[in-house]
């Protein structure tokens, strides 16, 4: 089973970090998907890097 965690904003990244850590600790197959809402590549990359989170998959939403 694969767990998909969809994140869109920086606060969601921070709030989801403990869930991601626990999934990794338990060797669960987790995919972090970043929707890019309010997207700033450098800032988002910094959040994932500083929190030692795996690089997310990115999706582009169109209006």
Protein backbone atom coordinates (compact mmCIF):
# COMPACT_ATOMS: atom_id res chain seq x y z
CA UNK A 1 0.00 0.00 0.00
CA UNK A 2 1.23 3.48 -0.84
CA UNK A 3 0.34 6.50 1.26
CA UNK A 4 -0.04 9.77 -0.65
CA UNK A 5 0.30 12.95 1.37
CA UNK A 6 -0.77 16.00 -0.63
CA UNK A 7 0.61 19.34 0.55
CA UNK A 8 0.00 22.78 -0.89
CA UNK A 9 1.37 25.39 1.50
CA UNK A 10 4.43 25.85 3.68
CA UNK A 11 2.45 25.52 6.95
CA UNK A 12 1.18 22.15 5.71
CA UNK A 13 4.77 21.04 5.13
CA UNK A 14 5.67 21.90 8.72
CA UNK A 15 2.52 20.31 10.20
CA UNK A 16 2.99 17.12 8.16
CA UNK A 17 6.65 16.59 9.05
CA UNK A 18 5.92 14.34 12.09
CA UNK A 19 3.63 12.14 9.97
CA UNK A 20 6.30 11.81 7.29
CA UNK A 21 9.00 11.00 9.87
CA UNK A 22 6.83 8.29 11.44
CA UNK A 23 5.97 6.76 8.06
CA UNK A 24 9.66 6.63 7.16
CA UNK A 25 10.55 5.19 10.58
CA UNK A 26 8.00 2.42 10.05
CA UNK A 27 9.29 1.82 6.49
CA UNK A 28 5.93 2.69 4.97
CA UNK A 29 5.70 3.62 1.30
CA UNK A 30 4.83 7.32 1.50
CA UNK A 31 4.73 9.75 -1.39
CA UNK A 32 4.77 13.44 -0.63
CA UNK A 33 3.05 15.43 -3.37
CA UNK A 34 3.45 19.20 -3.46
CA UNK A 35 0.76 21.07 -5.39
CA UNK A 36 2.75 24.27 -5.54
CA UNK A 37 0.06 26.52 -4.08
CA UNK A 38 1.71 29.88 -3.27
CA UNK A 39 4.77 28.31 -4.86
CA UNK A 40 8.28 29.62 -4.48
CA UNK A 41 10.75 26.91 -5.54
CA UNK A 42 13.67 28.08 -3.40
CA UNK A 43 11.61 28.61 -0.26
CA UNK A 44 9.78 25.28 -0.57
CA UNK A 45 13.07 23.46 -1.23
CA UNK A 46 14.51 25.11 1.89
CA UNK A 47 11.58 23.88 4.01
CA UNK A 48 11.95 20.28 2.81
CA UNK A 49 15.73 20.43 3.21
CA UNK A 50 15.75 22.07 6.66
CA UNK A 51 13.18 19.57 7.95
CA UNK A 52 15.13 16.64 6.45
CA UNK A 53 12.11 15.56 4.42
CA UNK A 54 12.31 13.58 1.18
CA UNK A 55 12.01 15.56 -2.04
CA UNK A 56 8.35 15.78 -2.99
CA UNK A 57 6.69 14.98 -6.28
CA UNK A 58 5.41 18.16 -7.91
CA UNK A 59 2.15 18.66 -9.75
CA UNK A 60 1.04 21.74 -11.60
CA UNK A 61 -2.52 22.90 -11.18
CA UNK A 62 -4.12 24.98 -13.89
CA UNK A 63 -7.07 27.27 -13.59
